[in-house]
């Protein structure tokens, strides 16, 4: 694997850093306190053409790979935006992958162009309260009615549903008991988030207040037949095209947050004088931060290995899952160590590291738990029996 970025890839990082510099720590701290979507930031991202970084050139995208998307998303997170900024953009990067790969030419033009231009905002309707990580147990139903489908059901942890104009929606078109395999009978739709038929109730949560998470209730939503992506009943296979890129992006973002936390902690440890010496001179402060640097850089290599494999069209499920696991755990430890290095001030919002610690829990929990990743690796790489 080539661990050196090209000049063009380094230019992406520099350009995104310049854009993010407009939005300082106080901007993100204000959103963390008061809520509200980072509209100006996302508008700048869209106007810079960044929302289409890995989408096809024929629909206005840049046609680049997940490597470049990961560089962009890591840079956003590392700028101080953390998941408040990254999650505001993240959904538009990986969610459209099934459209790009399985949609018709008409769908790619109709659906992707407004996303790239920032005119549409997408949310991802897959997770359900009674299914959790067992996607085959989803209960949302899409019943055919003439030239359209009528959808009823519930989704949960749906990000940006308060302002979304579109939803990528997975629903059952054939009951599970009538399917040869549990993964059959689910269909994927990309359609209007029509608030006459959909209610989004925001979930009050511990962090990332700027990006809403929601319980979504769908009541007789009419979905035009032309909003079905690919073939009916193959939706589960289609969403898999977005799952590995999502894990890779979350890993890259987590590394960015961890680096930010360690950088802040090191700066504070150089400046804070206790017992007539900077606290960074003490190995009890220095060694944990150094350990986190090592852990983050190792996780970063796995993330970009997975991204490179994906872009080359090679299998990358193990690497993408491992990257997400390693990065989330390394970043969590980095954020915790940054808080502890600040001592009492680590608990104060003005030093920002407590926000990083609250937000990094997102990477540990979503889009798949640590335990399910370890199950996957145990089964696929170690040949151990399936445990669930």
Protein backbone atom coordinates (compact mmCIF):
# COMPACT_ATOMS: atom_id res chain seq x y z
CA UNK A 1 0.00 0.00 0.00
CA UNK A 2 1.25 3.47 -0.91
CA UNK A 3 1.17 5.50 2.31
CA UNK A 4 2.16 8.74 0.61
CA UNK A 5 -0.55 11.08 -0.64
CA UNK A 6 -0.19 12.59 -4.09
CA UNK A 7 0.24 16.36 -4.57
CA UNK A 8 -3.38 16.50 -5.72
CA UNK A 9 -4.57 14.72 -2.57
CA UNK A 10 -2.51 17.07 -0.41
CA UNK A 11 -4.11 19.97 -2.27
CA UNK A 12 -7.54 18.65 -1.21
CA UNK A 13 -6.50 18.75 2.43
CA UNK A 14 -5.09 22.27 2.07
CA UNK A 15 -8.20 23.59 0.31
CA UNK A 16 -10.57 22.09 2.87
CA UNK A 17 -8.40 23.40 5.73
CA UNK A 18 -8.68 26.89 4.25
CA UNK A 19 -12.46 26.64 4.02
CA UNK A 20 -12.77 25.30 7.58
CA UNK A 21 -10.58 28.08 8.96
CA UNK A 22 -13.57 30.44 8.59
CA UNK A 23 -15.37 28.45 11.29
CA UNK A 24 -13.41 28.72 14.52
CA UNK A 25 -13.76 27.03 17.88
CA UNK A 26 -16.26 29.61 19.09
CA UNK A 27 -18.54 28.87 16.13
CA UNK A 28 -18.70 25.16 16.93
CA UNK A 29 -18.93 25.78 20.67
CA UNK A 30 -21.93 28.04 20.04
CA UNK A 31 -23.70 25.35 18.04
CA UNK A 32 -22.91 22.81 20.72
CA UNK A 33 -24.54 25.03 23.32
CA UNK A 34 -27.50 26.34 21.37
CA UNK A 35 -28.11 23.81 18.60
CA UNK A 36 -28.96 24.70 15.03
CA UNK A 37 -27.65 23.17 11.83
CA UNK A 38 -24.36 24.65 10.49
CA UNK A 39 -26.01 26.03 7.36
CA UNK A 40 -23.26 28.53 6.35
CA UNK A 41 -20.59 25.86 6.67
CA UNK A 42 -22.49 23.32 4.59
CA UNK A 43 -23.28 26.02 2.02
CA UNK A 44 -19.56 26.73 1.63
CA UNK A 45 -18.84 23.00 1.29
CA UNK A 46 -21.50 22.69 -1.43
CA UNK A 47 -20.38 25.79 -3.30
CA UNK A 48 -16.84 24.45 -3.31
CA UNK A 49 -18.09 21.31 -5.08
CA UNK A 50 -17.03 19.08 -2.20
CA UNK A 51 -20.36 17.27 -1.80
CA UNK A 52 -19.75 15.49 -5.09
CA UNK A 53 -16.14 14.53 -4.40
CA UNK A 54 -16.69 10.81 -5.04
CA UNK A 55 -19.71 10.97 -7.34
CA UNK A 56 -19.53 10.57 -11.15
CA UNK A 57 -18.30 13.45 -13.27
CA UNK A 58 -21.23 13.08 -15.68
CA UNK A 59 -23.62 14.34 -12.97
CA UNK A 60 -21.36 17.14 -11.78
CA UNK A 61 -19.25 15.22 -9.29
CA UNK A 62 -15.47 15.09 -9.15
CA UNK A 63 -15.25 11.36 -9.87
CA UNK A 64 -12.65 10.85 -7.16
CA UNK A 65 -12.43 7.97 -4.73
CA UNK A 66 -13.10 7.16 -1.10
CA UNK A 67 -9.44 8.00 -0.37
CA UNK A 68 -10.07 11.60 -1.37
CA UNK A 69 -13.42 11.68 0.45
CA UNK A 70 -11.72 10.37 3.60
CA UNK A 71 -9.05 13.06 3.34
CA UNK A 72 -11.76 15.70 3.09
CA UNK A 73 -13.83 14.36 5.98
CA UNK A 74 -10.80 13.88 8.22
CA UNK A 75 -9.74 17.46 7.55
CA UNK A 76 -13.19 18.76 8.49
CA UNK A 77 -13.22 16.81 11.76
CA UNK A 78 -9.64 17.76 12.63
CA UNK A 79 -10.31 21.47 12.04
CA UNK A 80 -12.27 21.70 15.29
CA UNK A 81 -15.63 20.95 13.70
CA UNK A 82 -15.49 17.35 14.96
CA UNK A 83 -18.70 15.43 14.25
CA UNK A 84 -20.76 18.63 14.41
CA UNK A 85 -19.22 19.57 11.08
CA UNK A 86 -18.38 16.16 9.65
CA UNK A 87 -21.84 14.67 10.22
CA UNK A 88 -23.45 17.66 8.54
CA UNK A 89 -21.65 16.69 5.33
CA UNK A 90 -21.06 12.97 5.83
CA UNK A 91 -24.51 11.75 4.73
CA UNK A 92 -24.21 13.34 1.29
CA UNK A 93 -20.91 11.55 0.69
CA UNK A 94 -21.69 7.86 1.27
CA UNK A 95 -25.51 7.64 1.06
CA UNK A 96 -25.78 8.31 -2.70
CA UNK A 97 -23.42 5.43 -3.57
CA UNK A 98 -26.30 3.01 -4.35
CA UNK A 99 -27.82 5.56 -6.74
CA UNK A 100 -24.50 6.04 -8.52
CA UNK A 101 -23.99 2.29 -8.88
CA UNK A 102 -27.53 0.90 -9.35
CA UNK A 103 -29.66 3.83 -10.47
CA UNK A 104 -30.66 4.43 -14.07
CA UNK A 105 -29.10 7.27 -16.08
CA UNK A 106 -32.29 9.26 -15.52
CA UNK A 107 -32.15 8.65 -11.76
CA UNK A 108 -28.48 9.56 -11.49
CA UNK A 109 -29.14 12.87 -13.22
CA UNK A 110 -32.39 13.65 -11.38
CA UNK A 111 -31.22 12.58 -7.94
CA UNK A 112 -27.49 13.27 -7.74
CA UNK A 113 -27.18 16.68 -9.39
CA UNK A 114 -29.30 18.51 -6.75
CA UNK A 115 -27.39 16.72 -3.97
CA UNK A 116 -24.03 17.81 -5.35
CA UNK A 117 -25.27 21.38 -5.77
CA UNK A 118 -26.54 21.44 -2.19
CA UNK A 119 -30.15 22.02 -3.26
CA UNK A 120 -31.25 18.71 -1.71
CA UNK A 121 -30.28 17.28 1.66
CA UNK A 122 -30.44 13.55 2.25
CA UNK A 123 -31.21 11.50 5.34
CA UNK A 124 -30.74 7.74 5.66
CA UNK A 125 -33.80 5.72 6.71
CA UNK A 126 -32.57 2.23 7.55
CA UNK A 127 -32.26 1.69 11.33
CA UNK A 128 -35.48 0.81 13.16
CA UNK A 129 -36.31 0.64 16.89
CA UNK A 130 -37.34 -3.04 16.82
CA UNK A 131 -34.55 -4.20 14.51
CA UNK A 132 -31.37 -2.46 15.63
CA UNK A 133 -28.36 -4.00 13.89
CA UNK A 134 -30.47 -6.88 12.51
CA UNK A 135 -31.58 -5.09 9.37
CA UNK A 136 -33.42 -8.17 8.11
CA UNK A 137 -35.98 -7.56 10.88
CA UNK A 138 -37.10 -4.14 9.66
CA UNK A 139 -40.87 -3.66 9.76
CA UNK A 140 -41.33 -0.65 7.50
CA UNK A 141 -43.52 -1.83 4.63
CA UNK A 142 -43.82 -0.54 1.07
CA UNK A 143 -46.99 -1.87 -0.59
CA UNK A 144 -47.38 -1.58 -4.35
CA UNK A 145 -50.42 0.44 -5.43
CA UNK A 146 -50.63 1.05 -9.15
CA UNK A 147 -47.63 3.10 -10.25
CA UNK A 148 -46.54 3.89 -6.74
CA UNK A 149 -45.78 2.40 -3.33
CA UNK A 150 -47.46 3.28 -0.05
CA UNK A 151 -44.98 3.22 2.83
CA UNK A 152 -45.73 2.83 6.52
CA UNK A 153 -43.27 2.33 9.35
CA UNK A 154 -40.74 3.81 11.72
CA UNK A 155 -37.05 4.67 11.59
CA UNK A 156 -34.74 5.82 14.36
CA UNK A 157 -31.44 7.68 14.71
CA UNK A 158 -32.13 9.34 11.39
CA UNK A 159 -29.68 12.23 11.13
CA UNK A 160 -30.61 15.64 9.65
CA UNK A 161 -34.28 14.66 9.27
CA UNK A 162 -35.29 18.09 10.61
CA UNK A 163 -34.02 19.75 7.43
CA UNK A 164 -33.77 16.87 4.92
CA UNK A 165 -35.57 17.20 1.61
CA UNK A 166 -34.91 13.59 0.55
CA UNK A 167 -34.74 10.21 2.25
CA UNK A 168 -32.86 7.07 1.24
CA UNK A 169 -35.39 4.57 2.51
CA UNK A 170 -35.13 0.81 2.99
CA UNK A 171 -38.48 -0.94 3.28
CA UNK A 172 -39.88 -4.45 2.94
CA UNK A 173 -41.79 -5.10 -0.26
CA UNK A 174 -42.07 -8.83 0.49
CA UNK A 175 -42.64 -10.20 4.00
CA UNK A 176 -39.57 -11.85 5.52
CA UNK A 177 -41.35 -15.19 5.93
CA UNK A 178 -42.05 -15.34 2.20
CA UNK A 179 -38.41 -14.85 1.20
CA UNK A 180 -35.84 -17.53 0.46
CA UNK A 181 -33.27 -15.58 2.49
CA UNK A 182 -33.83 -12.99 5.24
CA UNK A 183 -31.88 -10.42 3.22
CA UNK A 184 -34.30 -10.74 0.29
CA UNK A 185 -37.53 -8.81 -0.07
CA UNK A 186 -36.22 -5.37 0.93
CA UNK A 187 -36.29 -2.53 -1.57
CA UNK A 188 -34.45 0.76 -1.67
CA UNK A 189 -36.13 4.06 -2.47
CA UNK A 190 -34.84 7.60 -2.83
CA UNK A 191 -37.76 9.92 -2.51
CA UNK A 192 -39.10 13.19 -1.12
CA UNK A 193 -39.10 13.67 2.64
CA UNK A 194 -42.74 14.70 2.49
CA UNK A 195 -43.71 16.13 5.86
CA UNK A 196 -47.40 15.67 5.08
CA UNK A 197 -46.75 11.95 5.61
CA UNK A 198 -43.54 11.88 7.66
CA UNK A 199 -42.99 13.19 11.18
CA UNK A 200 -39.47 13.64 12.56
CA UNK A 201 -39.13 13.92 16.33
CA UNK A 202 -35.70 15.08 17.45
CA UNK A 203 -33.87 12.99 20.06
CA UNK A 204 -32.18 14.99 22.82
CA UNK A 205 -28.67 13.57 23.12
CA UNK A 206 -25.33 14.05 24.87
CA UNK A 207 -23.35 15.55 21.99
CA UNK A 208 -23.34 16.72 18.38
CA UNK A 209 -26.28 19.01 19.07
CA UNK A 210 -25.75 20.83 15.77
CA UNK A 211 -26.73 17.73 13.79
CA UNK A 212 -30.14 16.45 14.77
CA UNK A 213 -30.94 12.77 15.33
CA UNK A 214 -34.54 11.71 15.03
CA UNK A 215 -37.26 9.16 15.45
CA UNK A 216 -39.14 9.14 12.14
CA UNK A 217 -42.76 8.08 11.72
CA UNK A 218 -44.04 7.31 8.20
CA UNK A 219 -47.78 7.19 7.63
CA UNK A 220 -49.07 6.25 4.15
CA UNK A 221 -46.21 7.96 2.33
CA UNK A 222 -46.79 7.74 -1.45
CA UNK A 223 -43.57 6.91 -3.28
CA UNK A 224 -43.53 7.09 -7.10
CA UNK A 225 -42.42 3.89 -8.80
CA UNK A 226 -39.62 5.79 -10.52
CA UNK A 227 -38.05 6.41 -7.08
CA UNK A 228 -37.27 2.71 -6.65
CA UNK A 229 -33.51 2.16 -6.96
CA UNK A 230 -32.60 -0.88 -9.05
CA UNK A 231 -34.77 -3.96 -8.74
CA UNK A 232 -37.48 -4.59 -6.20
CA UNK A 233 -36.35 -6.90 -3.41
CA UNK A 234 -32.60 -6.24 -3.79
CA UNK A 235 -32.35 -3.16 -1.58
CA UNK A 236 -30.30 -4.81 1.14
CA UNK A 237 -27.59 -5.71 -1.38
CA UNK A 238 -27.60 -2.15 -2.67
CA UNK A 239 -27.09 -0.48 0.70
CA UNK A 240 -24.00 -2.64 1.21
CA UNK A 241 -22.34 -0.47 -1.45
CA UNK A 242 -22.50 2.43 0.99
CA UNK A 243 -21.65 0.59 4.22
CA UNK A 244 -17.92 0.08 3.72
CA UNK A 245 -17.34 3.69 2.60
CA UNK A 246 -19.33 4.85 5.64
CA UNK A 247 -17.11 2.85 8.00
CA UNK A 248 -14.01 4.21 6.30
CA UNK A 249 -15.21 7.81 6.55
CA UNK A 250 -16.15 7.42 10.23
CA UNK A 251 -12.67 5.99 10.87
CA UNK A 252 -10.96 8.89 9.12
CA UNK A 253 -13.11 11.41 10.98
CA UNK A 254 -12.41 9.74 14.34
CA UNK A 255 -8.66 9.91 13.70
CA UNK A 256 -9.07 13.61 12.92
CA UNK A 257 -10.85 14.24 16.22
CA UNK A 258 -8.26 12.22 18.13
CA UNK A 259 -5.41 14.18 16.56
CA UNK A 260 -7.14 17.42 17.43
CA UNK A 261 -7.57 16.35 21.06
CA UNK A 262 -3.93 15.32 21.40
CA UNK A 263 -2.74 18.54 19.78
CA UNK A 264 -4.79 20.61 22.23
CA UNK A 265 -3.60 18.56 25.18
CA UNK A 266 0.05 18.89 24.17
CA UNK A 267 -0.30 22.66 23.79
CA UNK A 268 -1.89 22.94 27.21
CA UNK A 269 0.73 20.66 28.77
CA UNK A 270 3.48 22.91 27.42
CA UNK A 271 1.86 26.04 28.85
CA UNK A 272 0.47 24.88 32.19
CA UNK A 273 2.97 25.35 35.02
CA UNK A 274 2.56 23.38 38.25
CA UNK A 275 5.33 22.92 40.83
CA UNK A 276 7.46 25.33 38.80
CA UNK A 277 7.54 23.19 35.66
CA UNK A 278 5.30 22.57 32.64
CA UNK A 279 3.09 19.56 33.30
CA UNK A 280 4.12 18.13 29.92
CA UNK A 281 7.54 17.48 31.44
CA UNK A 282 5.93 14.84 33.64
CA UNK A 283 5.85 11.39 32.09
CA UNK A 284 2.42 10.75 33.61
CA UNK A 285 1.14 13.41 31.19
CA UNK A 286 3.57 12.86 28.34
CA UNK A 287 3.39 9.09 27.95
CA UNK A 288 -0.41 8.71 27.56
CA UNK A 289 -0.45 11.43 24.90
CA UNK A 290 2.45 9.77 23.08
CA UNK A 291 0.64 6.42 23.23
CA UNK A 292 -2.43 8.00 21.68
CA UNK A 293 -0.34 9.50 18.88
CA UNK A 294 0.92 6.00 18.04
CA UNK A 295 -2.53 4.44 18.23
CA UNK A 296 -4.10 7.11 16.02
CA UNK A 297 -1.45 6.87 13.33
CA UNK A 298 -1.79 3.08 13.20
CA UNK A 299 -5.58 3.37 12.90
CA UNK A 300 -5.13 5.95 10.16
CA UNK A 301 -3.04 3.53 8.10
CA UNK A 302 -5.81 0.91 8.33
CA UNK A 303 -8.44 3.48 7.32
CA UNK A 304 -6.58 4.51 4.20
CA UNK A 305 -5.65 0.92 3.37
CA UNK A 306 -9.38 0.14 3.38
CA UNK A 307 -10.12 3.22 1.27
CA UNK A 308 -7.47 2.26 -1.28
CA UNK A 309 -8.80 -1.29 -1.51
CA UNK A 310 -12.34 0.03 -2.06
CA UNK A 311 -11.19 2.39 -4.80
CA UNK A 312 -9.33 -0.46 -6.50
CA UNK A 313 -12.49 -2.57 -6.50
CA UNK A 314 -11.03 -5.14 -4.12
CA UNK A 315 -12.79 -6.72 -1.11
CA UNK A 316 -12.37 -4.44 1.90
CA UNK A 317 -15.04 -5.46 4.41
CA UNK A 318 -12.56 -6.64 7.03
CA UNK A 319 -10.30 -3.64 6.61
CA UNK A 320 -13.18 -1.14 6.68
CA UNK A 321 -14.60 -2.68 9.84
CA UNK A 322 -11.19 -2.95 11.49
CA UNK A 323 -10.44 0.68 10.63
CA UNK A 324 -13.67 1.84 12.20
CA UNK A 325 -12.99 -0.20 15.34
CA UNK A 326 -9.35 0.86 15.73
CA UNK A 327 -9.97 4.53 14.98
CA UNK A 328 -12.97 4.87 17.27
CA UNK A 329 -11.18 3.24 20.20
CA UNK A 330 -7.94 5.15 19.64
CA UNK A 331 -9.79 8.44 19.31
CA UNK A 332 -11.84 7.80 22.43
CA UNK A 333 -8.69 7.17 24.44
CA UNK A 334 -7.09 10.28 22.95
CA UNK A 335 -10.06 12.45 23.90
CA UNK A 336 -10.21 10.99 27.40
CA UNK A 337 -6.47 11.55 27.88
CA UNK A 338 -6.83 15.11 26.59
CA UNK A 339 -9.48 15.85 29.20
CA UNK A 340 -7.36 14.33 31.95
CA UNK A 341 -4.26 16.23 30.82
CA UNK A 342 -6.22 19.46 31.27
CA UNK A 343 -7.15 18.47 34.81
CA UNK A 344 -10.12 20.43 36.11
CA UNK A 345 -10.12 22.68 33.05
CA UNK A 346 -10.75 19.64 30.89
CA UNK A 347 -14.26 19.70 32.33
CA UNK A 348 -14.79 23.30 31.20
CA UNK A 349 -16.45 23.94 27.85
CA UNK A 350 -14.10 26.81 27.00
CA UNK A 351 -11.23 24.35 26.54
CA UNK A 352 -13.26 22.29 24.04
CA UNK A 353 -11.83 18.87 24.89
CA UNK A 354 -14.95 17.85 26.84
CA UNK A 355 -16.93 18.39 23.63
CA UNK A 356 -14.55 16.13 21.74
CA UNK A 357 -15.04 13.41 24.35
CA UNK A 358 -18.83 13.64 24.13
CA UNK A 359 -18.83 13.60 20.35
CA UNK A 360 -16.38 10.74 19.90
CA UNK A 361 -18.91 8.33 21.39
CA UNK A 362 -20.69 8.55 18.03
CA UNK A 363 -17.83 6.67 16.37
CA UNK A 364 -17.81 3.98 19.04
CA UNK A 365 -21.52 3.27 18.65
CA UNK A 366 -22.39 3.98 15.01
CA UNK A 367 -22.84 2.86 12.32
CA UNK A 368 -22.08 -0.55 13.81
CA UNK A 369 -21.08 -1.54 17.33
CA UNK A 370 -17.61 -2.60 18.39
CA UNK A 371 -18.94 -6.02 19.32
CA UNK A 372 -20.47 -6.67 15.89
CA UNK A 373 -17.19 -5.71 14.24
CA UNK A 374 -15.32 -8.20 16.41
CA UNK A 375 -17.95 -10.83 15.57
CA UNK A 376 -17.40 -10.13 11.86
CA UNK A 377 -13.62 -10.40 12.09
CA UNK A 378 -13.79 -13.50 14.29
CA UNK A 379 -16.03 -15.22 11.77
CA UNK A 380 -14.50 -14.00 8.49
CA UNK A 381 -10.82 -13.86 9.35
CA UNK A 382 -10.40 -16.39 12.16
CA UNK A 383 -12.89 -19.00 10.94
CA UNK A 384 -14.78 -19.02 14.22
CA UNK A 385 -18.47 -20.02 14.38
CA UNK A 386 -21.08 -17.32 13.90
CA UNK A 387 -22.13 -16.05 17.30
CA UNK A 388 -25.38 -14.24 16.52
